Amino acid sequence: NQYARELGILKDKDANFTGADIRNGMTAIVSVKHPD
């Protein structure tokens, strides 16, 4: 959303993209190694 405003894709009056908007089409893998 910060990038969208910096690039002018979102104007001042526009609401932010939702998380679902931004992740639509995304495949991601998040792997953590946690000691406890």
PDB file of all heavy atoms in Angstrom:
ATOM      1  N   ASN A   1       0.828  -1.217   0.000  1.00  0.00           N
ATOM      2  CA  ASN A   1       0.000   0.000   0.000  1.00  0.00           C
ATOM      3  C   ASN A   1       0.861   1.266   0.000  1.00  0.00           C
ATOM      4  O   ASN A   1       0.526   2.258  -0.658  1.00  0.00           O
ATOM      5  CB  ASN A   1      -0.946  -0.001   1.208  1.00  0.00           C
ATOM      6  CG  ASN A   1      -2.253  -0.722   0.904  1.00  0.00           C
ATOM      7  OD1 ASN A   1      -2.910  -0.437  -0.095  1.00  0.00           O
ATOM      8  ND2 ASN A   1      -2.622  -1.681   1.741  1.00  0.00           N
ATOM      9  N   GLN A   2       1.998   1.217   0.725  1.00  0.00           N
ATOM     10  CA  GLN A   2       2.918   2.375   0.707  1.00  0.00           C
ATOM     11  C   GLN A   2       3.457   2.613  -0.703  1.00  0.00           C
ATOM     12  O   GLN A   2       3.489   3.752  -1.189  1.00  0.00           O
ATOM     13  CB  GLN A   2       4.081   2.129   1.681  1.00  0.00           C
ATOM     14  CG  GLN A   2       3.684   2.257   3.148  1.00  0.00           C
ATOM     15  CD  GLN A   2       4.750   1.688   4.084  1.00  0.00           C
ATOM     16  OE1 GLN A   2       5.728   1.072   3.655  1.00  0.00           O
ATOM     17  NE2 GLN A   2       4.544   1.874   5.380  1.00  0.00           N
ATOM     18  N   TYR A   3       3.857   1.530  -1.363  1.00  0.00           N
ATOM     19  CA  TYR A   3       4.359   1.654  -2.742  1.00  0.00           C
ATOM     20  C   TYR A   3       3.260   2.178  -3.666  1.00  0.00           C
ATOM     21  O   TYR A   3       3.507   3.015  -4.544  1.00  0.00           O
ATOM     22  CB  TYR A   3       4.840   0.294  -3.254  1.00  0.00           C
ATOM     23  CG  TYR A   3       6.271  -0.045  -2.899  1.00  0.00           C
ATOM     24  CD1 TYR A   3       6.572  -1.214  -2.202  1.00  0.00           C
ATOM     25  CD2 TYR A   3       7.329   0.777  -3.295  1.00  0.00           C
ATOM     26  CE1 TYR A   3       7.888  -1.555  -1.893  1.00  0.00           C
ATOM     27  CE2 TYR A   3       8.653   0.450  -2.987  1.00  0.00           C
ATOM     28  CZ  TYR A   3       8.916  -0.709  -2.287  1.00  0.00           C
ATOM     29  OH  TYR A   3      10.214  -1.026  -1.986  1.00  0.00           O
ATOM     30  N   ALA A   4       2.024   1.692  -3.496  1.00  0.00           N
ATOM     31  CA  ALA A   4       0.908   2.111  -4.364  1.00  0.00           C
ATOM     32  C   ALA A   4       0.679   3.620  -4.254  1.00  0.00           C
ATOM     33  O   ALA A   4       0.361   4.283  -5.238  1.00  0.00           O
ATOM     34  CB  ALA A   4      -0.354   1.341  -3.985  1.00  0.00           C
ATOM     35  N   ARG A   5       0.855   4.173  -3.046  1.00  0.00           N
ATOM     36  CA  ARG A   5       0.671   5.630  -2.865  1.00  0.00           C
ATOM     37  C   ARG A   5       1.869   6.401  -3.434  1.00  0.00           C
ATOM     38  O   ARG A   5       1.707   7.438  -4.083  1.00  0.00           O
ATOM     39  CB  ARG A   5       0.470   5.963  -1.381  1.00  0.00           C
ATOM     40  CG  ARG A   5      -0.851   5.397  -0.869  1.00  0.00           C
ATOM     41  CD  ARG A   5      -1.419   6.075   0.355  1.00  0.00           C
ATOM     42  NE  ARG A   5      -2.682   5.427   0.731  1.00  0.00           N
ATOM     43  CZ  ARG A   5      -3.855   5.708   0.188  1.00  0.00           C
ATOM     44  NH1 ARG A   5      -3.949   6.633  -0.750  1.00  0.00           N
ATOM     45  NH2 ARG A   5      -4.946   5.071   0.571  1.00  0.00           N
ATOM     46  N   GLU A   6       3.066   5.870  -3.216  1.00  0.00           N
ATOM     47  CA  GLU A   6       4.270   6.543  -3.750  1.00  0.00           C
ATOM     48  C   GLU A   6       4.232   6.615  -5.277  1.00  0.00           C
ATOM     49  O   GLU A   6       4.665   7.601  -5.882  1.00  0.00           O
ATOM     50  CB  GLU A   6       5.536   5.782  -3.324  1.00  0.00           C
ATOM     51  CG  GLU A   6       5.942   6.036  -1.876  1.00  0.00           C
ATOM     52  CD  GLU A   6       7.063   5.107  -1.424  1.00  0.00           C
ATOM     53  OE1 GLU A   6       7.808   4.604  -2.297  1.00  0.00           O
ATOM     54  OE2 GLU A   6       7.180   4.868  -0.211  1.00  0.00           O
ATOM     55  N   LEU A   7       3.692   5.560  -5.904  1.00  0.00           N
ATOM     56  CA  LEU A   7       3.658   5.514  -7.375  1.00  0.00           C
ATOM     57  C   LEU A   7       2.405   6.180  -7.948  1.00  0.00           C
ATOM     58  O   LEU A   7       2.219   6.203  -9.161  1.00  0.00           O
ATOM     59  CB  LEU A   7       3.733   4.065  -7.858  1.00  0.00           C
ATOM     60  CG  LEU A   7       5.053   3.328  -7.574  1.00  0.00           C
ATOM     61  CD1 LEU A   7       4.937   1.854  -7.912  1.00  0.00           C
ATOM     62  CD2 LEU A   7       6.203   3.947  -8.363  1.00  0.00           C
ATOM     63  N   GLY A   8       1.518   6.666  -7.064  1.00  0.00           N
ATOM     64  CA  GLY A   8       0.309   7.362  -7.523  1.00  0.00           C
ATOM     65  C   GLY A   8      -0.801   6.443  -7.981  1.00  0.00           C
ATOM     66  O   GLY A   8      -1.794   6.895  -8.576  1.00  0.00           O
ATOM     67  N   ILE A   9      -0.653   5.128  -7.727  1.00  0.00           N
ATOM     68  CA  ILE A   9      -1.723   4.187  -8.110  1.00  0.00           C
ATOM     69  C   ILE A   9      -2.919   4.403  -7.185  1.00  0.00           C
ATOM     70  O   ILE A   9      -4.074   4.337  -7.620  1.00  0.00           O
ATOM     71  CB  ILE A   9      -1.197   2.731  -8.043  1.00  0.00           C
ATOM     72  CG1 ILE A   9      -0.148   2.531  -9.140  1.00  0.00           C
ATOM     73  CG2 ILE A   9      -2.327   1.715  -8.186  1.00  0.00           C
ATOM     74  CD1 ILE A   9       0.686   1.275  -9.002  1.00  0.00           C
ATOM     75  N   LEU A  10      -2.639   4.662  -5.907  1.00  0.00           N
ATOM     76  CA  LEU A  10      -3.697   5.052  -4.960  1.00  0.00           C
ATOM     77  C   LEU A  10      -3.594   6.552  -4.704  1.00  0.00           C
ATOM     78  O   LEU A  10      -2.527   7.064  -4.345  1.00  0.00           O
ATOM     79  CB  LEU A  10      -3.532   4.298  -3.621  1.00  0.00           C
ATOM     80  CG  LEU A  10      -3.871   2.806  -3.600  1.00  0.00           C
ATOM     81  CD1 LEU A  10      -3.599   2.240  -2.210  1.00  0.00           C
ATOM     82  CD2 LEU A  10      -5.324   2.541  -3.987  1.00  0.00           C
ATOM     83  N   LYS A  11      -4.679   7.278  -4.923  1.00  0.00           N
ATOM     84  CA  LYS A  11      -4.709   8.724  -4.654  1.00  0.00           C
ATOM     85  C   LYS A  11      -5.074   8.964  -3.181  1.00  0.00           C
ATOM     86  O   LYS A  11      -5.490   8.047  -2.471  1.00  0.00           O
ATOM     87  CB  LYS A  11      -5.759   9.405  -5.550  1.00  0.00           C
ATOM     88  CG  LYS A  11      -5.616   9.101  -7.027  1.00  0.00           C
ATOM     89  CD  LYS A  11      -4.389   9.777  -7.621  1.00  0.00           C
ATOM     90  CE  LYS A  11      -4.284   9.638  -9.128  1.00  0.00           C
ATOM     91  NZ  LYS A  11      -3.923   8.316  -9.588  1.00  0.00           N
ATOM     92  N   ASP A  12      -4.962  10.218  -2.740  1.00  0.00           N
ATOM     93  CA  ASP A  12      -5.231  10.562  -1.329  1.00  0.00           C
ATOM     94  C   ASP A  12      -6.615  10.104  -0.884  1.00  0.00           C
ATOM     95  O   ASP A  12      -6.791   9.605   0.219  1.00  0.00           O
ATOM     96  CB  ASP A  12      -5.099  12.079  -1.109  1.00  0.00           C
ATOM     97  CG  ASP A  12      -3.645  12.510  -1.214  1.00  0.00           C
ATOM     98  OD1 ASP A  12      -2.775  11.617  -1.154  1.00  0.00           O
ATOM     99  OD2 ASP A  12      -3.387  13.722  -1.356  1.00  0.00           O
ATOM    100  N   LYS A  13      -7.607  10.300  -1.773  1.00  0.00           N
ATOM    101  CA  LYS A  13      -8.999   9.987  -1.374  1.00  0.00           C
ATOM    102  C   LYS A  13      -9.289   8.482  -1.416  1.00  0.00           C
ATOM    103  O   LYS A  13     -10.269   8.007  -0.862  1.00  0.00           O
ATOM    104  CB  LYS A  13      -9.987  10.723  -2.285  1.00  0.00           C
ATOM    105  CG  LYS A  13      -9.884  10.346  -3.763  1.00  0.00           C
ATOM    106  CD  LYS A  13     -10.919  11.087  -4.582  1.00  0.00           C
ATOM    107  CE  LYS A  13     -10.869  10.870  -6.071  1.00  0.00           C
ATOM    108  NZ  LYS A  13     -10.336   9.664  -6.623  1.00  0.00           N
ATOM    109  N   ASP A  14      -8.416   7.692  -2.054  1.00  0.00           N
ATOM    110  CA  ASP A  14      -8.672   6.242  -2.209  1.00  0.00           C
ATOM    111  C   ASP A  14      -8.416   5.488  -0.919  1.00  0.00           C
ATOM    112  O   ASP A  14      -7.456   5.790  -0.188  1.00  0.00           O
ATOM    113  CB  ASP A  14      -7.761   5.645  -3.298  1.00  0.00           C
ATOM    114  CG  ASP A  14      -8.095   6.175  -4.684  1.00  0.00           C
ATOM    115  OD1 ASP A  14      -9.235   6.644  -4.867  1.00  0.00           O
ATOM    116  OD2 ASP A  14      -7.217   6.136  -5.566  1.00  0.00           O
ATOM    117  N   ALA A  15      -9.247   4.497  -0.670  1.00  0.00           N
ATOM    118  CA  ALA A  15      -8.986   3.582   0.458  1.00  0.00           C
ATOM    119  C   ALA A  15      -7.838   2.656   0.086  1.00  0.00           C
ATOM    120  O   ALA A  15      -7.574   2.419  -1.102  1.00  0.00           O
ATOM    121  CB  ALA A  15     -10.241   2.756   0.751  1.00  0.00           C
ATOM    122  N   ASN A  16      -7.142   2.141   1.085  1.00  0.00           N
ATOM    123  CA  ASN A  16      -6.057   1.185   0.844  1.00  0.00           C
ATOM    124  C   ASN A  16      -6.590  -0.082   0.171  1.00  0.00           C
ATOM    125  O   ASN A  16      -7.761  -0.428   0.322  1.00  0.00           O
ATOM    126  CB  ASN A  16      -5.412   0.767   2.180  1.00  0.00           C
ATOM    127  CG  ASN A  16      -4.340   1.762   2.605  1.00  0.00           C
ATOM    128  OD1 ASN A  16      -3.915   2.621   1.835  1.00  0.00           O
ATOM    129  ND2 ASN A  16      -3.895   1.649   3.845  1.00  0.00           N
ATOM    130  N   PHE A  17      -5.695  -0.766  -0.543  1.00  0.00           N
ATOM    131  CA  PHE A  17      -6.024  -2.118  -0.985  1.00  0.00           C
ATOM    132  C   PHE A  17      -6.177  -2.997   0.247  1.00  0.00           C
ATOM    133  O   PHE A  17      -5.450  -2.833   1.234  1.00  0.00           O
ATOM    134  CB  PHE A  17      -4.890  -2.692  -1.854  1.00  0.00           C
ATOM    135  CG  PHE A  17      -4.713  -2.012  -3.183  1.00  0.00           C
ATOM    136  CD1 PHE A  17      -3.450  -1.620  -3.617  1.00  0.00           C
ATOM    137  CD2 PHE A  17      -5.803  -1.782  -4.021  1.00  0.00           C
ATOM    138  CE1 PHE A  17      -3.274  -1.002  -4.852  1.00  0.00           C
ATOM    139  CE2 PHE A  17      -5.637  -1.165  -5.261  1.00  0.00           C
ATOM    140  CZ  PHE A  17      -4.378  -0.766  -5.665  1.00  0.00           C
ATOM    141  N   THR A  18      -7.083  -3.943   0.197  1.00  0.00           N
ATOM    142  CA  THR A  18      -7.196  -4.905   1.305  1.00  0.00           C
ATOM    143  C   THR A  18      -6.099  -5.964   1.141  1.00  0.00           C
ATOM    144  O   THR A  18      -5.501  -6.093   0.070  1.00  0.00           O
ATOM    145  CB  THR A  18      -8.555  -5.626   1.310  1.00  0.00           C
ATOM    146  OG1 THR A  18      -8.625  -6.449   0.132  1.00  0.00           O
ATOM    147  CG2 THR A  18      -9.720  -4.644   1.313  1.00  0.00           C
ATOM    148  N   GLY A  19      -5.872  -6.725   2.203  1.00  0.00           N
ATOM    149  CA  GLY A  19      -4.902  -7.821   2.132  1.00  0.00           C
ATOM    150  C   GLY A  19      -5.270  -8.801   1.038  1.00  0.00           C
ATOM    151  O   GLY A  19      -4.410  -9.290   0.288  1.00  0.00           O
ATOM    152  N   ALA A  20      -6.579  -9.090   0.934  1.00  0.00           N
ATOM    153  CA  ALA A  20      -7.042 -10.049  -0.092  1.00  0.00           C
ATOM    154  C   ALA A  20      -6.783  -9.501  -1.496  1.00  0.00           C
ATOM    155  O   ALA A  20      -6.420 -10.257  -2.401  1.00  0.00           O
ATOM    156  CB  ALA A  20      -8.529 -10.336   0.100  1.00  0.00           C
ATOM    157  N   ASP A  21      -6.957  -8.181  -1.700  1.00  0.00           N
ATOM    158  CA  ASP A  21      -6.653  -7.568  -3.003  1.00  0.00           C
ATOM    159  C   ASP A  21      -5.189  -7.830  -3.368  1.00  0.00           C
ATOM    160  O   ASP A  21      -4.864  -8.249  -4.478  1.00  0.00           O
ATOM    161  CB  ASP A  21      -6.842  -6.040  -2.968  1.00  0.00           C
ATOM    162  CG  ASP A  21      -8.286  -5.622  -2.782  1.00  0.00           C
ATOM    163  OD1 ASP A  21      -9.176  -6.436  -3.081  1.00  0.00           O
ATOM    164  OD2 ASP A  21      -8.522  -4.485  -2.321  1.00  0.00           O
ATOM    165  N   ILE A  22      -4.323  -7.540  -2.395  1.00  0.00           N
ATOM    166  CA  ILE A  22      -2.881  -7.607  -2.657  1.00  0.00           C
ATOM    167  C   ILE A  22      -2.413  -9.044  -2.854  1.00  0.00           C
ATOM    168  O   ILE A  22      -1.507  -9.317  -3.634  1.00  0.00           O
ATOM    169  CB  ILE A  22      -2.106  -6.886  -1.527  1.00  0.00           C
ATOM    170  CG1 ILE A  22      -2.260  -5.370  -1.732  1.00  0.00           C
ATOM    171  CG2 ILE A  22      -0.636  -7.273  -1.492  1.00  0.00           C
ATOM    172  CD1 ILE A  22      -1.846  -4.514  -0.593  1.00  0.00           C
ATOM    173  N   ARG A  23      -3.065  -9.983  -2.188  1.00  0.00           N
ATOM    174  CA  ARG A  23      -2.615 -11.384  -2.281  1.00  0.00           C
ATOM    175  C   ARG A  23      -3.337 -12.175  -3.377  1.00  0.00           C
ATOM    176  O   ARG A  23      -3.061 -13.352  -3.564  1.00  0.00           O
ATOM    177  CB  ARG A  23      -2.800 -12.097  -0.940  1.00  0.00           C
ATOM    178  CG  ARG A  23      -1.933 -11.548   0.175  1.00  0.00           C
ATOM    179  CD  ARG A  23      -1.995 -12.432   1.398  1.00  0.00           C
ATOM    180  NE  ARG A  23      -3.345 -12.614   1.888  1.00  0.00           N
ATOM    181  CZ  ARG A  23      -3.957 -11.804   2.742  1.00  0.00           C
ATOM    182  NH1 ARG A  23      -3.327 -10.723   3.194  1.00  0.00           N
ATOM    183  NH2 ARG A  23      -5.192 -12.044   3.150  1.00  0.00           N
ATOM    184  N   ASN A  24      -4.246 -11.540  -4.084  1.00  0.00           N
ATOM    185  CA  ASN A  24      -4.974 -12.255  -5.138  1.00  0.00           C
ATOM    186  C   ASN A  24      -4.000 -12.652  -6.244  1.00  0.00           C
ATOM    187  O   ASN A  24      -3.359 -11.800  -6.841  1.00  0.00           O
ATOM    188  CB  ASN A  24      -6.092 -11.365  -5.686  1.00  0.00           C
ATOM    189  CG  ASN A  24      -7.308 -12.192  -6.043  1.00  0.00           C
ATOM    190  OD1 ASN A  24      -7.198 -13.326  -6.463  1.00  0.00           O
ATOM    191  ND2 ASN A  24      -8.470 -11.607  -5.873  1.00  0.00           N
ATOM    192  N   GLY A  25      -3.886 -13.950  -6.496  1.00  0.00           N
ATOM    193  CA  GLY A  25      -2.923 -14.422  -7.490  1.00  0.00           C
ATOM    194  C   GLY A  25      -1.583 -14.805  -6.905  1.00  0.00           C
ATOM    195  O   GLY A  25      -0.702 -15.290  -7.615  1.00  0.00           O
ATOM    196  N   MET A  26      -1.403 -14.601  -5.598  1.00  0.00           N
ATOM    197  CA  MET A  26      -0.113 -14.896  -4.963  1.00  0.00           C
ATOM    198  C   MET A  26      -0.015 -16.359  -4.533  1.00  0.00           C
ATOM    199  O   MET A  26      -0.928 -16.905  -3.933  1.00  0.00           O
ATOM    200  CB  MET A  26       0.085 -14.007  -3.720  1.00  0.00           C
ATOM    201  CG  MET A  26       1.326 -14.372  -2.900  1.00  0.00           C
ATOM    202  SD  MET A  26       1.361 -13.566  -1.270  1.00  0.00           S
ATOM    203  CE  MET A  26       2.430 -12.181  -1.592  1.00  0.00           C
ATOM    204  N   THR A  27       1.099 -16.972  -4.862  1.00  0.00           N
ATOM    205  CA  THR A  27       1.500 -18.235  -4.219  1.00  0.00           C
ATOM    206  C   THR A  27       2.703 -17.874  -3.367  1.00  0.00           C
ATOM    207  O   THR A  27       3.610 -17.176  -3.832  1.00  0.00           O
ATOM    208  CB  THR A  27       1.909 -19.294  -5.259  1.00  0.00           C
ATOM    209  OG1 THR A  27       0.823 -19.493  -6.166  1.00  0.00           O
ATOM    210  CG2 THR A  27       2.239 -20.619  -4.593  1.00  0.00           C
ATOM    211  N   ALA A  28       2.716 -18.326  -2.119  1.00  0.00           N
ATOM    212  CA  ALA A  28       3.853 -18.014  -1.241  1.00  0.00           C
ATOM    213  C   ALA A  28       4.114 -19.181  -0.310  1.00  0.00           C
ATOM    214  O   ALA A  28       3.209 -19.935   0.053  1.00  0.00           O
ATOM    215  CB  ALA A  28       3.574 -16.744  -0.434  1.00  0.00           C
ATOM    216  N   ILE A  29       5.384 -19.331   0.063  1.00  0.00           N
ATOM    217  CA  ILE A  29       5.778 -20.322   1.072  1.00  0.00           C
ATOM    218  C   ILE A  29       6.589 -19.573   2.122  1.00  0.00           C
ATOM    219  O   ILE A  29       7.549 -18.875   1.779  1.00  0.00           O
ATOM    220  CB  ILE A  29       6.642 -21.440   0.451  1.00  0.00           C
ATOM    221  CG1 ILE A  29       5.904 -22.105  -0.718  1.00  0.00           C
ATOM    222  CG2 ILE A  29       7.011 -22.479   1.507  1.00  0.00           C
ATOM    223  CD1 ILE A  29       6.811 -22.890  -1.651  1.00  0.00           C
ATOM    224  N   VAL A  30       6.170 -19.696   3.365  1.00  0.00           N
ATOM    225  CA  VAL A  30       6.881 -19.051   4.479  1.00  0.00           C
ATOM    226  C   VAL A  30       7.317 -20.151   5.433  1.00  0.00           C
ATOM    227  O   VAL A  30       6.490 -20.877   5.977  1.00  0.00           O
ATOM    228  CB  VAL A  30       5.973 -18.036   5.212  1.00  0.00           C
ATOM    229  CG1 VAL A  30       6.736 -17.388   6.360  1.00  0.00           C
ATOM    230  CG2 VAL A  30       5.448 -16.977   4.241  1.00  0.00           C
ATOM    231  N   SER A  31       8.637 -20.269   5.601  1.00  0.00           N
ATOM    232  CA  SER A  31       9.172 -21.331   6.456  1.00  0.00           C
ATOM    233  C   SER A  31      10.006 -20.689   7.562  1.00  0.00           C
ATOM    234  O   SER A  31      10.913 -19.904   7.282  1.00  0.00           O
ATOM    235  CB  SER A  31      10.036 -22.272   5.611  1.00  0.00           C
ATOM    236  OG  SER A  31      10.692 -23.208   6.421  1.00  0.00           O
ATOM    237  N   VAL A  32       9.680 -21.007   8.818  1.00  0.00           N
ATOM    238  CA  VAL A  32      10.463 -20.458   9.932  1.00  0.00           C
ATOM    239  C   VAL A  32      11.115 -21.604  10.707  1.00  0.00           C
ATOM    240  O   VAL A  32      10.587 -22.706  10.776  1.00  0.00           O
ATOM    241  CB  VAL A  32       9.613 -19.584  10.889  1.00  0.00           C
ATOM    242  CG1 VAL A  32       9.035 -18.392  10.158  1.00  0.00           C
ATOM    243  CG2 VAL A  32       8.516 -20.372  11.581  1.00  0.00           C
ATOM    244  N   LYS A  33      12.289 -21.287  11.273  1.00  0.00           N
ATOM    245  CA  LYS A  33      12.950 -22.221  12.192  1.00  0.00           C
ATOM    246  C   LYS A  33      12.910 -21.550  13.565  1.00  0.00           C
ATOM    247  O   LYS A  33      13.514 -20.494  13.772  1.00  0.00           O
ATOM    248  CB  LYS A  33      14.393 -22.469  11.763  1.00  0.00           C
ATOM    249  CG  LYS A  33      14.553 -23.046  10.356  1.00  0.00           C
ATOM    250  CD  LYS A  33      14.227 -24.510  10.303  1.00  0.00           C
ATOM    251  CE  LYS A  33      14.691 -25.181   9.024  1.00  0.00           C
ATOM    252  NZ  LYS A  33      14.165 -24.657   7.792  1.00  0.00           N
ATOM    253  N   HIS A  34      12.166 -22.149  14.480  1.00  0.00           N
ATOM    254  CA  HIS A  34      11.923 -21.535  15.796  1.00  0.00           C
ATOM    255  C   HIS A  34      12.501 -22.423  16.896  1.00  0.00           C
ATOM    256  O   HIS A  34      12.243 -23.633  16.922  1.00  0.00           O
ATOM    257  CB  HIS A  34      10.408 -21.371  15.998  1.00  0.00           C
ATOM    258  CG  HIS A  34      10.053 -20.409  17.088  1.00  0.00           C
ATOM    259  ND1 HIS A  34      10.383 -20.633  18.402  1.00  0.00           N
ATOM    260  CD2 HIS A  34       9.406 -19.214  17.057  1.00  0.00           C
ATOM    261  CE1 HIS A  34       9.951 -19.615  19.136  1.00  0.00           C
ATOM    262  NE2 HIS A  34       9.367 -18.743  18.342  1.00  0.00           N
ATOM    263  N   PRO A  35      13.281 -21.841  17.828  1.00  0.00           N
ATOM    264  CA  PRO A  35      13.890 -22.683  18.870  1.00  0.00           C
ATOM    265  C   PRO A  35      12.877 -23.252  19.873  1.00  0.00           C
ATOM    266  O   PRO A  35      13.129 -24.276  20.494  1.00  0.00           O
ATOM    267  CB  PRO A  35      14.864 -21.723  19.575  1.00  0.00           C
ATOM    268  CG  PRO A  35      14.372 -20.353  19.245  1.00  0.00           C
ATOM    269  CD  PRO A  35      13.706 -20.438  17.910  1.00  0.00           C
ATOM    270  N   ASP A  36      11.733 -22.597  20.025  1.00  0.00           N
ATOM    271  CA  ASP A  36      10.767 -23.075  21.032  1.00  0.00           C
ATOM    272  C   ASP A  36       9.337 -22.864  20.533  1.00  0.00           C
ATOM    273  O   ASP A  36       8.593 -22.031  21.046  1.00  0.00           O
ATOM    274  CB  ASP A  36      10.996 -22.313  22.354  1.00  0.00           C
ATOM    275  CG  ASP A  36      10.101 -22.837  23.469  1.00  0.00           C
ATOM    276  OD1 ASP A  36       9.671 -24.001  23.387  1.00  0.00           O
ATOM    277  OD2 ASP A  36       9.815 -22.064  24.407  1.00  0.00           O
TER     278      ASP A  36
END
